[in-house]
Amino acid sequence: MKLTEAVKWLWSDDTLSARRVRWVLKIVIVLLLLIALFWVVDFGEVIHALATADPLFLIIGFALTFLRVFLSAVQLMILVRKQGINLGVGQIIYINLSVKFYLLFLPGDLVGSGIRWYKLSQPSGKRAEALAAVAFNRLFDLFLIFVLGFGFWLLSDQDYVQIDARQLVVLILLTILLWFILTRLSLPLSKIIASRAGGTYSSSLIQFGMQKLEKFLLAVANYADFSAWQLLFVTIVGISRQLVGIGSYVFLAKAVGIELSFIDMGWIRSIVLLAAFLPFSFAGGIGIREITLVAVLSTFGVSAELAIAFSLLLLARGFLLGLAGGLLEAIHSLRAKYVI
């Protein structure tokens, strides 16, 4: 089997053997990464950093996380209502948090998307519509993570420390404009790519990439008929959600003594989140996240111990959301039991 064919098989094949290989690889890679961390990191210093963390910054960082949960629910509510699924913000917060709870035990973000799709489709039975909303929501998040991360990286590559607020506004406006163009042109672009992906390119890896791009554009095309105001609103909510997420990272990093600007943390967060989407990432990026943060933060002179402490705060944040989701799921189950 050629290397490109092997990569394609491992990345996207849905057969039982491919899934088993991915599962084994995930476990092996995570174990190797964690062993490497234990080998080089002084965990006594990690524990000291966590024990002496600034409580005010911790509270702000976690509070921003719950604000991000609210904005996530607003974003998804707009998308599901476009598909005729009438759910409120509170209901979607419950669904999103319950997904966080199940991901404490189940590996992979795709599993979370499947659970979210199932729960969204339950009230109305609109499975195809719920799938369209979940797919669009996921791709929209990936787009914002990548574009904003790249934009923040460009802004960080300046000769001066302070970034003019106007540059940040320009980045946001360019992101909105790019998403508008991509959404409106998604259907014709997907047709062009479909006509060329069949045999134009000799490399199977390029063809694989073109097929993925076509699927991306087709998912986006489900919302190509959004009105300009609807599209603008959901885009602003999505960007606000990402900015709040960056703010949470900044304050949690400050809590353990890592002083980084909002701009620098913007692209660092994007790298960490994109790394978690790798096919061998496991359980929200455990192992991958730690290695990524140690490598990236070392360029700012941050010790591996502080980077690990920061990563553990991010892990604790995820557990906190998961526990909140578990509590809501238990309350929901008890209510359903007594109603019956």
Foldseek 3Di string as FASTA:
>chain_A
DDPLVVVLCLADPPDPVSVVVLVVLLVVLLVVLVVVCVVPDDVVLLVVLLVQFDVVLLVLLLVLVVVLLLLLLVLLCLQLVVLVQHDDSVLLSLLLLLLLQVLQPAKDVVVSLVSSLVSSCPVPVPNVSSNLSSLQSVLLLLLLLVQQLVLLVVQPPDPDDDGDVVSVVVSLVVSLVVLLVLLQCLVVVLVVLVVCLPPVDPDVNVSSVSVVSSVSSVSSPVCNPPDPVSSSVSSVSSNVSLLSNLSSLQSLLVRSPHHDDSSVSSNLVSVLQVQCNPSSAISSRNSNNLVSQCVVCVVVVDHSSSSVSSVVSVVVSSVVSNVVSVVSVVVVVVVVVVVD
